PDB file of N, CA and C in Angstrom:
ATOM      1  N   MET A   1     141.279  65.865 119.218  1.00  0.00           N
ATOM      2  CA  MET A   1     139.914  65.846 118.876  1.00  0.00           C
ATOM      3  C   MET A   1     139.410  67.255 118.636  1.00  0.00           C
ATOM      4  N   THR A   2     139.056  67.536 117.435  1.00  0.00           N
ATOM      5  CA  THR A   2     138.545  68.851 117.141  1.00  0.00           C
ATOM      6  C   THR A   2     137.149  69.033 117.658  1.00  0.00           C
ATOM      7  N   GLY A   3     136.809  70.244 118.080  1.00  0.00           N
ATOM      8  CA  GLY A   3     135.477  70.527 118.507  1.00  0.00           C
ATOM      9  C   GLY A   3     135.202  70.283 119.970  1.00  0.00           C
ATOM     10  N   PHE A   4     136.114  69.661 120.672  1.00  0.00           N
ATOM     11  CA  PHE A   4     135.881  69.405 122.073  1.00  0.00           C
ATOM     12  C   PHE A   4     136.570  70.486 122.903  1.00  0.00           C
ATOM     13  N   LEU A   5     135.948  70.837 124.011  1.00  0.00           N
ATOM     14  CA  LEU A   5     136.534  71.822 124.931  1.00  0.00           C
ATOM     15  C   LEU A   5     137.605  71.134 125.760  1.00  0.00           C
ATOM     16  N   PRO A   6     138.851  71.635 125.728  1.00  0.00           N
ATOM     17  CA  PRO A   6     139.924  70.933 126.503  1.00  0.00           C
ATOM     18  C   PRO A   6     139.686  70.908 127.981  1.00  0.00           C
ATOM     19  N   GLU A   7     139.077  71.943 128.519  1.00  0.00           N
ATOM     20  CA  GLU A   7     138.865  71.941 129.954  1.00  0.00           C
ATOM     21  C   GLU A   7     137.673  71.076 130.376  1.00  0.00           C
ATOM     22  N   LYS A   8     136.810  70.684 129.442  1.00  0.00           N
ATOM     23  CA  LYS A   8     135.688  69.790 129.738  1.00  0.00           C
ATOM     24  C   LYS A   8     135.627  68.751 128.643  1.00  0.00           C
ATOM     25  N   PRO A   9     136.341  67.634 128.833  1.00  0.00           N
ATOM     26  CA  PRO A   9     136.287  66.623 127.817  1.00  0.00           C
ATOM     27  C   PRO A   9     134.876  66.044 127.673  1.00  0.00           C
ATOM     28  N   GLY A  10     134.454  65.829 126.435  1.00  0.00           N
ATOM     29  CA  GLY A  10     133.137  65.320 126.177  1.00  0.00           C
ATOM     30  C   GLY A  10     132.114  66.396 125.862  1.00  0.00           C
ATOM     31  N   VAL A  11     132.500  67.672 125.974  1.00  0.00           N
ATOM     32  CA  VAL A  11     131.578  68.763 125.713  1.00  0.00           C
ATOM     33  C   VAL A  11     131.878  69.305 124.289  1.00  0.00           C
ATOM     34  N   ILE A  12     130.871  69.387 123.453  1.00  0.00           N
ATOM     35  CA  ILE A  12     131.087  69.770 122.078  1.00  0.00           C
ATOM     36  C   ILE A  12     130.740  71.252 121.921  1.00  0.00           C
ATOM     37  N   LYS A  13     131.535  71.969 121.156  1.00  0.00           N
ATOM     38  CA  LYS A  13     131.276  73.398 120.892  1.00  0.00           C
ATOM     39  C   LYS A  13     130.068  73.549 119.976  1.00  0.00           C
ATOM     40  N   MET A  14     129.460  74.730 120.057  1.00  0.00           N
ATOM     41  CA  MET A  14     128.265  74.999 119.261  1.00  0.00           C
ATOM     42  C   MET A  14     128.545  74.958 117.750  1.00  0.00           C
ATOM     43  N   ASP A  15     129.743  75.403 117.358  1.00  0.00           N
ATOM     44  CA  ASP A  15     130.025  75.399 115.906  1.00  0.00           C
ATOM     45  C   ASP A  15     130.137  73.970 115.329  1.00  0.00           C
ATOM     46  N   ILE A  16     130.512  73.020 116.155  1.00  0.00           N
ATOM     47  CA  ILE A  16     130.568  71.635 115.707  1.00  0.00           C
ATOM     48  C   ILE A  16     129.172  71.099 115.558  1.00  0.00           C
ATOM     49  N   ILE A  17     128.244  71.465 116.464  1.00  0.00           N
ATOM     50  CA  ILE A  17     126.842  71.036 116.315  1.00  0.00           C
ATOM     51  C   ILE A  17     126.274  71.552 115.036  1.00  0.00           C
ATOM     52  N   ALA A  18     126.552  72.860 114.738  1.00  0.00           N
ATOM     53  CA  ALA A  18     126.045  73.436 113.504  1.00  0.00           C
ATOM     54  C   ALA A  18     126.697  72.772 112.297  1.00  0.00           C
ATOM     55  N   GLU A  19     127.920  72.370 112.369  1.00  0.00           N
ATOM     56  CA  GLU A  19     128.600  71.685 111.263  1.00  0.00           C
ATOM     57  C   GLU A  19     127.988  70.342 111.027  1.00  0.00           C
ATOM     58  N   ILE A  20     127.663  69.604 112.100  1.00  0.00           N
ATOM     59  CA  ILE A  20     127.036  68.308 111.963  1.00  0.00           C
ATOM     60  C   ILE A  20     125.714  68.447 111.232  1.00  0.00           C
ATOM     61  N   ARG A  21     124.879  69.385 111.669  1.00  0.00           N
ATOM     62  CA  ARG A  21     123.544  69.603 111.073  1.00  0.00           C
ATOM     63  C   ARG A  21     123.652  70.035 109.615  1.00  0.00           C
ATOM     64  N   ARG A  22     124.628  70.953 109.331  1.00  0.00           N
ATOM     65  CA  ARG A  22     124.773  71.449 107.988  1.00  0.00           C
ATOM     66  C   ARG A  22     125.204  70.337 107.037  1.00  0.00           C
ATOM     67  N   ARG A  23     126.197  69.569 107.488  1.00  0.00           N
ATOM     68  CA  ARG A  23     126.697  68.478 106.651  1.00  0.00           C
ATOM     69  C   ARG A  23     125.581  67.452 106.271  1.00  0.00           C
ATOM     70  N   HIS A  24     124.792  67.176 107.286  1.00  0.00           N
ATOM     71  CA  HIS A  24     123.766  66.131 107.041  1.00  0.00           C
ATOM     72  C   HIS A  24     122.551  66.680 106.220  1.00  0.00           C
ATOM     73  N   PHE A  25     121.998  67.782 106.689  1.00  0.00           N
ATOM     74  CA  PHE A  25     120.775  68.264 106.114  1.00  0.00           C
ATOM     75  C   PHE A  25     120.987  69.049 104.806  1.00  0.00           C
ATOM     76  N   VAL A  26     122.057  69.815 104.709  1.00  0.00           N
ATOM     77  CA  VAL A  26     122.278  70.657 103.522  1.00  0.00           C
ATOM     78  C   VAL A  26     123.157  69.877 102.507  1.00  0.00           C
ATOM     79  N   SER A  27     124.262  69.310 102.930  1.00  0.00           N
ATOM     80  CA  SER A  27     125.134  68.631 102.027  1.00  0.00           C
ATOM     81  C   SER A  27     124.735  67.205 101.733  1.00  0.00           C
ATOM     82  N   GLY A  28     123.866  66.631 102.555  1.00  0.00           N
ATOM     83  CA  GLY A  28     123.407  65.231 102.362  1.00  0.00           C
ATOM     84  C   GLY A  28     124.428  64.224 102.778  1.00  0.00           C
ATOM     85  N   GLU A  29     125.405  64.590 103.606  1.00  0.00           N
ATOM     86  CA  GLU A  29     126.439  63.661 104.005  1.00  0.00           C
ATOM     87  C   GLU A  29     125.843  62.617 104.981  1.00  0.00           C
ATOM     88  N   SER A  30     126.373  61.407 104.894  1.00  0.00           N
ATOM     89  CA  SER A  30     125.864  60.359 105.777  1.00  0.00           C
ATOM     90  C   SER A  30     126.411  60.511 107.203  1.00  0.00           C
ATOM     91  N   ILE A  31     125.733  59.894 108.150  1.00  0.00           N
ATOM     92  CA  ILE A  31     126.157  59.943 109.544  1.00  0.00           C
ATOM     93  C   ILE A  31     127.502  59.281 109.692  1.00  0.00           C
ATOM     94  N   SER A  32     127.733  58.196 108.978  1.00  0.00           N
ATOM     95  CA  SER A  32     129.032  57.492 109.043  1.00  0.00           C
ATOM     96  C   SER A  32     130.187  58.377 108.648  1.00  0.00           C
ATOM     97  N   SER A  33     130.029  59.122 107.553  1.00  0.00           N
ATOM     98  CA  SER A  33     131.116  59.937 107.060  1.00  0.00           C
ATOM     99  C   SER A  33     131.339  61.178 108.037  1.00  0.00           C
ATOM    100  N   ILE A  34     130.285  61.660 108.634  1.00  0.00           N
ATOM    101  CA  ILE A  34     130.430  62.761 109.609  1.00  0.00           C
ATOM    102  C   ILE A  34     131.197  62.242 110.830  1.00  0.00           C
ATOM    103  N   VAL A  35     130.848  61.040 111.296  1.00  0.00           N
ATOM    104  CA  VAL A  35     131.523  60.432 112.435  1.00  0.00           C
ATOM    105  C   VAL A  35     133.027  60.277 112.180  1.00  0.00           C
ATOM    106  N   ARG A  36     133.337  59.796 110.953  1.00  0.00           N
ATOM    107  CA  ARG A  36     134.755  59.555 110.609  1.00  0.00           C
ATOM    108  C   ARG A  36     135.534  60.880 110.522  1.00  0.00           C
ATOM    109  N   SER A  37     134.941  61.849 109.873  1.00  0.00           N
ATOM    110  CA  SER A  37     135.655  63.138 109.613  1.00  0.00           C
ATOM    111  C   SER A  37     135.783  63.996 110.855  1.00  0.00           C
ATOM    112  N   LEU A  38     134.774  64.008 111.736  1.00  0.00           N
ATOM    113  CA  LEU A  38     134.812  64.829 112.953  1.00  0.00           C
ATOM    114  C   LEU A  38     135.342  64.118 114.147  1.00  0.00           C
ATOM    115  N   ASP A  39     135.510  62.794 114.038  1.00  0.00           N
ATOM    116  CA  ASP A  39     136.018  61.936 115.151  1.00  0.00           C
ATOM    117  C   ASP A  39     135.173  62.088 116.398  1.00  0.00           C
ATOM    118  N   ILE A  40     133.866  61.945 116.251  1.00  0.00           N
ATOM    119  CA  ILE A  40     132.938  61.900 117.374  1.00  0.00           C
ATOM    120  C   ILE A  40     132.050  60.660 117.231  1.00  0.00           C
ATOM    121  N   SER A  41     131.387  60.322 118.298  1.00  0.00           N
ATOM    122  CA  SER A  41     130.636  59.072 118.292  1.00  0.00           C
ATOM    123  C   SER A  41     129.328  59.189 117.462  1.00  0.00           C
ATOM    124  N   ARG A  42     128.878  58.065 117.013  1.00  0.00           N
ATOM    125  CA  ARG A  42     127.671  57.983 116.200  1.00  0.00           C
ATOM    126  C   ARG A  42     126.425  58.444 116.996  1.00  0.00           C
ATOM    127  N   PRO A  43     126.272  57.998 118.316  1.00  0.00           N
ATOM    128  CA  PRO A  43     125.126  58.488 119.088  1.00  0.00           C
ATOM    129  C   PRO A  43     125.134  60.008 119.265  1.00  0.00           C
ATOM    130  N   THR A  44     126.287  60.585 119.402  1.00  0.00           N
ATOM    131  CA  THR A  44     126.391  62.063 119.506  1.00  0.00           C
ATOM    132  C   THR A  44     125.893  62.728 118.263  1.00  0.00           C
ATOM    133  N   VAL A  45     126.281  62.245 117.118  1.00  0.00           N
ATOM    134  CA  VAL A  45     125.832  62.808 115.863  1.00  0.00           C
ATOM    135  C   VAL A  45     124.342  62.666 115.734  1.00  0.00           C
ATOM    136  N   ARG A  46     123.821  61.470 116.041  1.00  0.00           N
ATOM    137  CA  ARG A  46     122.357  61.272 115.943  1.00  0.00           C
ATOM    138  C   ARG A  46     121.582  62.196 116.915  1.00  0.00           C
ATOM    139  N   LYS A  47     122.131  62.361 118.108  1.00  0.00           N
ATOM    140  CA  LYS A  47     121.466  63.201 119.099  1.00  0.00           C
ATOM    141  C   LYS A  47     121.348  64.652 118.570  1.00  0.00           C
ATOM    142  N   HIS A  48     122.418  65.142 117.969  1.00  0.00           N
ATOM    143  CA  HIS A  48     122.403  66.536 117.522  1.00  0.00           C
ATOM    144  C   HIS A  48     121.612  66.716 116.181  1.00  0.00           C
ATOM    145  N   LEU A  49     121.388  65.627 115.486  1.00  0.00           N
ATOM    146  CA  LEU A  49     120.534  65.702 114.314  1.00  0.00           C
ATOM    147  C   LEU A  49     119.045  65.707 114.653  1.00  0.00           C
ATOM    148  N   THR A  50     118.667  65.132 115.776  1.00  0.00           N
ATOM    149  CA  THR A  50     117.280  65.068 116.155  1.00  0.00           C
ATOM    150  C   THR A  50     116.791  66.269 116.958  1.00  0.00           C
ATOM    151  N   THR A  51     117.746  67.077 117.488  1.00  0.00           N
ATOM    152  CA  THR A  51     117.356  68.256 118.254  1.00  0.00           C
ATOM    153  C   THR A  51     116.714  69.276 117.323  1.00  0.00           C
ATOM    154  N   GLN A  52     115.663  69.953 117.821  1.00  0.00           N
ATOM    155  CA  GLN A  52     114.961  70.937 117.036  1.00  0.00           C
ATOM    156  C   GLN A  52     115.590  72.341 117.194  1.00  0.00           C
ATOM    157  N   SER A  53     116.140  72.611 118.361  1.00  0.00           N
ATOM    158  CA  SER A  53     116.747  73.918 118.588  1.00  0.00           C
ATOM    159  C   SER A  53     118.109  73.754 119.200  1.00  0.00           C
ATOM    160  N   GLU A  54     118.896  74.859 119.193  1.00  0.00           N
ATOM    161  CA  GLU A  54     120.218  74.812 119.749  1.00  0.00           C
ATOM    162  C   GLU A  54     120.145  74.646 121.279  1.00  0.00           C
ATOM    163  N   PRO A  55     121.038  73.864 121.852  1.00  0.00           N
ATOM    164  CA  PRO A  55     121.027  73.716 123.320  1.00  0.00           C
ATOM    165  C   PRO A  55     121.434  75.053 123.945  1.00  0.00           C
ATOM    166  N   VAL A  56     120.731  75.444 124.971  1.00  0.00           N
ATOM    167  CA  VAL A  56     121.003  76.710 125.641  1.00  0.00           C
ATOM    168  C   VAL A  56     121.303  76.454 127.089  1.00  0.00           C
ATOM    169  N   TYR A  57     122.385  77.004 127.541  1.00  0.00           N
ATOM    170  CA  TYR A  57     122.780  76.870 128.946  1.00  0.00           C
ATOM    171  C   TYR A  57     122.296  78.062 129.712  1.00  0.00           C
ATOM    172  N   GLU A  58     121.509  77.858 130.710  1.00  0.00           N
ATOM    173  CA  GLU A  58     121.057  78.948 131.569  1.00  0.00           C
ATOM    174  C   GLU A  58     121.498  78.727 132.987  1.00  0.00           C
ATOM    175  N   ARG A  59     122.333  79.590 133.491  1.00  0.00           N
ATOM    176  CA  ARG A  59     122.848  79.439 134.827  1.00  0.00           C
ATOM    177  C   ARG A  59     121.788  79.826 135.820  1.00  0.00           C
ATOM    178  N   GLN A  60     121.532  78.974 136.824  1.00  0.00           N
ATOM    179  CA  GLN A  60     120.529  79.238 137.848  1.00  0.00           C
ATOM    180  C   GLN A  60     121.006  80.233 138.871  1.00  0.00           C
ATOM    181  N   VAL A  61     122.226  80.100 139.337  1.00  0.00           N
ATOM    182  CA  VAL A  61     122.751  80.991 140.384  1.00  0.00           C
ATOM    183  C   VAL A  61     124.123  81.455 139.952  1.00  0.00           C
ATOM    184  N   GLN A  62     124.380  82.780 140.018  1.00  0.00           N
ATOM    185  CA  GLN A  62     125.689  83.309 139.669  1.00  0.00           C
ATOM    186  C   GLN A  62     126.593  83.080 140.882  1.00  0.00           C
ATOM    187  N   PRO A  63     127.615  82.242 140.753  1.00  0.00           N
ATOM    188  CA  PRO A  63     128.514  81.992 141.894  1.00  0.00           C
ATOM    189  C   PRO A  63     129.368  83.201 142.204  1.00  0.00           C
ATOM    190  N   GLU A  64     129.695  83.391 143.442  1.00  0.00           N
ATOM    191  CA  GLU A  64     130.609  84.463 143.845  1.00  0.00           C
ATOM    192  C   GLU A  64     132.034  84.016 143.587  1.00  0.00           C
ATOM    193  N   PRO A  65     132.905  84.939 143.185  1.00  0.00           N
ATOM    194  CA  PRO A  65     134.310  84.550 142.996  1.00  0.00           C
ATOM    195  C   PRO A  65     134.969  84.217 144.312  1.00  0.00           C
ATOM    196  N   LYS A  66     136.163  83.634 144.226  1.00  0.00           N
ATOM    197  CA  LYS A  66     136.901  83.278 145.410  1.00  0.00           C
ATOM    198  C   LYS A  66     137.209  84.470 146.276  1.00  0.00           C
ATOM    199  N   LEU A  67     137.268  85.645 145.669  1.00  0.00           N
ATOM    200  CA  LEU A  67     137.535  86.864 146.418  1.00  0.00           C
ATOM    201  C   LEU A  67     136.268  87.562 146.875  1.00  0.00           C
ATOM    202  N   GLY A  68     135.176  86.787 146.952  1.00  0.00           N
ATOM    203  CA  GLY A  68     133.865  87.337 147.291  1.00  0.00           C
ATOM    204  C   GLY A  68     133.834  88.153 148.585  1.00  0.00           C
ATOM    205  N   GLU A  69     134.529  87.708 149.603  1.00  0.00           N
ATOM    206  CA  GLU A  69     134.496  88.409 150.905  1.00  0.00           C
ATOM    207  C   GLU A  69     135.270  89.719 150.817  1.00  0.00           C
ATOM    208  N   PHE A  70     136.136  89.829 149.835  1.00  0.00           N
ATOM    209  CA  PHE A  70     136.943  91.071 149.676  1.00  0.00           C
ATOM    210  C   PHE A  70     136.363  92.015 148.606  1.00  0.00           C
ATOM    211  N   LYS A  71     135.178  91.601 148.084  1.00  0.00           N
ATOM    212  CA  LYS A  71     134.591  92.345 146.929  1.00  0.00           C
ATOM    213  C   LYS A  71     134.372  93.850 147.233  1.00  0.00           C
ATOM    214  N   ALA A  72     133.796  94.098 148.423  1.00  0.00           N
ATOM    215  CA  ALA A  72     133.519  95.493 148.801  1.00  0.00           C
ATOM    216  C   ALA A  72     134.770  96.317 148.823  1.00  0.00           C
ATOM    217  N   ARG A  73     135.848  95.785 149.395  1.00  0.00           N
ATOM    218  CA  ARG A  73     137.100  96.520 149.519  1.00  0.00           C
ATOM    219  C   ARG A  73     137.716  96.768 148.127  1.00  0.00           C
ATOM    220  N   LEU A  74     137.626  95.761 147.259  1.00  0.00           N
ATOM    221  CA  LEU A  74     138.180  95.919 145.901  1.00  0.00           C
ATOM    222  C   LEU A  74     137.388  96.986 145.112  1.00  0.00           C
ATOM    223  N   VAL A  75     136.101  97.016 145.276  1.00  0.00           N
ATOM    224  CA  VAL A  75     135.302  98.016 144.600  1.00  0.00           C
ATOM    225  C   VAL A  75     135.658  99.386 145.055  1.00  0.00           C
ATOM    226  N   GLU A  76     135.861  99.537 146.402  1.00  0.00           N
ATOM    227  CA  GLU A  76     136.286 100.852 146.950  1.00  0.00           C
ATOM    228  C   GLU A  76     137.624 101.299 146.327  1.00  0.00           C
ATOM    229  N   TRP A  77     138.605 100.400 146.242  1.00  0.00           N
ATOM    230  CA  TRP A  77     139.904 100.696 145.681  1.00  0.00           C
ATOM    231  C   TRP A  77     139.764 101.113 144.188  1.00  0.00           C
ATOM    232  N   LEU A  78     138.939 100.384 143.443  1.00  0.00           N
ATOM    233  CA  LEU A  78     138.794 100.708 142.032  1.00  0.00           C
ATOM    234  C   LEU A  78     138.123 102.105 141.868  1.00  0.00           C
ATOM    235  N   ASP A  79     137.108 102.392 142.714  1.00  0.00           N
ATOM    236  CA  ASP A  79     136.480 103.686 142.627  1.00  0.00           C
ATOM    237  C   ASP A  79     137.428 104.803 142.965  1.00  0.00           C
ATOM    238  N   ALA A  80     138.235 104.615 144.006  1.00  0.00           N
ATOM    239  CA  ALA A  80     139.213 105.623 144.402  1.00  0.00           C
ATOM    240  C   ALA A  80     140.250 105.810 143.321  1.00  0.00           C
ATOM    241  N   ASP A  81     140.638 104.736 142.700  1.00  0.00           N
ATOM    242  CA  ASP A  81     141.684 104.792 141.651  1.00  0.00           C
ATOM    243  C   ASP A  81     141.117 105.506 140.396  1.00  0.00           C
ATOM    244  N   ALA A  82     139.829 105.352 140.155  1.00  0.00           N
ATOM    245  CA  ALA A  82     139.228 105.965 138.975  1.00  0.00           C
ATOM    246  C   ALA A  82     139.143 107.501 139.146  1.00  0.00           C
ATOM    247  N   LYS A  83     139.142 107.960 140.396  1.00  0.00           N
ATOM    248  CA  LYS A  83     139.022 109.418 140.649  1.00  0.00           C
ATOM    249  C   LYS A  83     140.378 110.114 140.625  1.00  0.00           C
ATOM    250  N   LEU A  84     141.453 109.353 140.593  1.00  0.00           N
ATOM    251  CA  LEU A  84     142.804 109.939 140.528  1.00  0.00           C
ATOM    252  C   LEU A  84     143.055 110.538 139.157  1.00  0.00           C
ATOM    253  N   PRO A  85     143.992 111.486 139.081  1.00  0.00           N
ATOM    254  CA  PRO A  85     144.403 111.974 137.727  1.00  0.00           C
ATOM    255  C   PRO A  85     144.929 110.821 136.900  1.00  0.00           C
ATOM    256  N   LYS A  86     144.785 110.961 135.579  1.00  0.00           N
ATOM    257  CA  LYS A  86     145.142 109.857 134.705  1.00  0.00           C
ATOM    258  C   LYS A  86     146.560 109.305 134.850  1.00  0.00           C
ATOM    259  N   ASN A  87     147.522 110.188 135.101  1.00  0.00           N
ATOM    260  CA  ASN A  87     148.917 109.720 135.217  1.00  0.00           C
ATOM    261  C   ASN A  87     149.187 109.088 136.567  1.00  0.00           C
ATOM    262  N   GLN A  88     148.276 109.136 137.499  1.00  0.00           N
ATOM    263  CA  GLN A  88     148.454 108.472 138.802  1.00  0.00           C
ATOM    264  C   GLN A  88     147.659 107.207 138.947  1.00  0.00           C
ATOM    265  N   ARG A  89     146.813 106.888 137.965  1.00  0.00           N
ATOM    266  CA  ARG A  89     146.004 105.674 138.043  1.00  0.00           C
ATOM    267  C   ARG A  89     146.862 104.412 137.838  1.00  0.00           C
ATOM    268  N   HIS A  90     146.370 103.346 138.391  1.00  0.00           N
ATOM    269  CA  HIS A  90     147.011 102.074 138.175  1.00  0.00           C
ATOM    270  C   HIS A  90     146.564 101.523 136.783  1.00  0.00           C
ATOM    271  N   ARG A  91     147.438 100.800 136.190  1.00  0.00           N
ATOM    272  CA  ARG A  91     147.116 100.176 134.873  1.00  0.00           C
ATOM    273  C   ARG A  91     146.715  98.741 135.150  1.00  0.00           C
ATOM    274  N   TYR A  92     145.634  98.310 134.618  1.00  0.00           N
ATOM    275  CA  TYR A  92     145.140  96.948 134.784  1.00  0.00           C
ATOM    276  C   TYR A  92     145.286  96.184 133.460  1.00  0.00           C
ATOM    277  N   GLY A  93     145.976  95.073 133.527  1.00  0.00           N
ATOM    278  CA  GLY A  93     146.045  94.248 132.360  1.00  0.00           C
ATOM    279  C   GLY A  93     147.282  94.298 131.634  1.00  0.00           C
TER     280      GLY A  93
END
């Protein structure tokens, strides 16, 4: 299924929403043909055609990573590593 996020089935990418709207409003393509070509449901296409603005996700709380309790120690190590001469620094990545 093109346009769906593999880690979250049922969630459509923003570029697919734009494609739906462009095909219908600019190209004049019918809802049925959009459904067939993009392999998504008719209610989903209708929903994205009726929206006035792009959906925006706003996170309420920034979650701490799993290493949250070690965050202070990790920051200390990174700061100390940044102060070392270039040839003695650790390489990340």
